[in-house]
Amino acid sequence: MSTKSDRFPGDDDNWLAGIRQRIVAARQRAALAANAELIGLYWQIGHEILDRQRSAQWGDKVLDRLARDLREAFPEMKGFSSRNLKYMRYFAEHCPQQAFGQQSAAQLPWFHIVTLLTKLAAPETREWYARRAIAEGWSRATLEVSIRNRLHERQGRAVTNFDAHLPAPQSQLAHETLKDPYLFDFLGLGDDAHERDIENALMRHITRFLLELGHGFAFVGQQYRLEVGDQEFFIDLLFYHTRLKCYVVVELKAGAFKPEHAGQLNFYLTAVDRQIKAPDDKPTIGLLLCKTKNRLVAEYALSGIDKPMGVAEYQLVRALPEPLLTNLPTVEELETELGAVEADTPERSKA
């Protein structure tokens, strides 16, 4: 147990906390600098392999010999297998500027880079995922799930009225936060599932649900109770979005979208704004998740609503094609071979 003499006098506890924060920040900067050096080295080796293969007509057998020589010279390093040398060559060939578009590859761990190179063909798509991975601190697992679920084709696709009811840039950020469709294939439910079955299954798989919703969503409650005029009302799902600084009301519909659904959600948004929202919170946003929707009907319905909301579909059974796979070894095989020596960047959010 701490005694009075063990404690720092006055404001020194805050001073100690500040030192701890600076140590953590310094360690993070050192890790990022070391990663940048490693990525730069891998690119240089890959670039030189490309040059020699073009000028001296090297074959892959020469790579095997180079791998043996490097492992003998640096036995403590695990990154010089012939398989990893092929990835270095592939990296230099497909990222001649050491970047994915405007995003420096040095900001990403090596296994993130390998994932982007082997699972995506279009340079602009690689840049999109690189930008999101850097901005949101994705782990490699999150990056792989996002690619497999074709996030770039779904992000920002929901029908919304945000432009009319949210100021810029809040409206654009909110629009980019929503998707269409949402993929709930991890629930193991058929297309005939009822609303409450879907809702309960989402709660059982809350981590996967938050991952699908996206970065910044924090769960508040299921069947969240509101009282208006001595009557009880229950919101299907209530969230708070840490980046948008607002509550998000999610309503599930097991059938097709109907205009009256927007009116019901509008009522819930008004109640949350008046009863729950803090003075410094942004306006509450609504999201209607329906099995199907007619986009034009949804646009008409939202145009007459005075609260910000969006409409999107969900899929209980996957209907998206699988992403590209190259003939290179998988990143999992490479990771096993190298003993996961290059650690993933920690995620900054559970979502």
Foldseek 3Di string as FASTA:
>chain_A
DDDPVNDDPDCVVVVVVVVVVVVVVVVVVVLLVVLLVVLVVLLVLLVVVVVCCVVVVDDLVVLQVVLVVVCVVPVVALQRHSQNNVVSVLQCVVCVPCALVPHHVSLFGPLLSSCLSFFADDSVVSNVLSVCCNVQVDWSVLSVVCSQQVVVVWFLPWDKPLVVAPDPPLSVVVSRLGTAPQEQQVLVDDLQDFPVSSLVSCVVVVLVNDSSSHPFKAWDDAQCWFADPNDIHGQGTWIAGRVSQAIEGEDEHSAEDDLVVLVVVLVVQVRCVVPPDDPPGDRYEYEYEYQYYDSVRQNVSNVPGNGIYTYHYYDNNDPDDGTGGDPRDDSVVVCVSSVVPGPGRDGPDSD
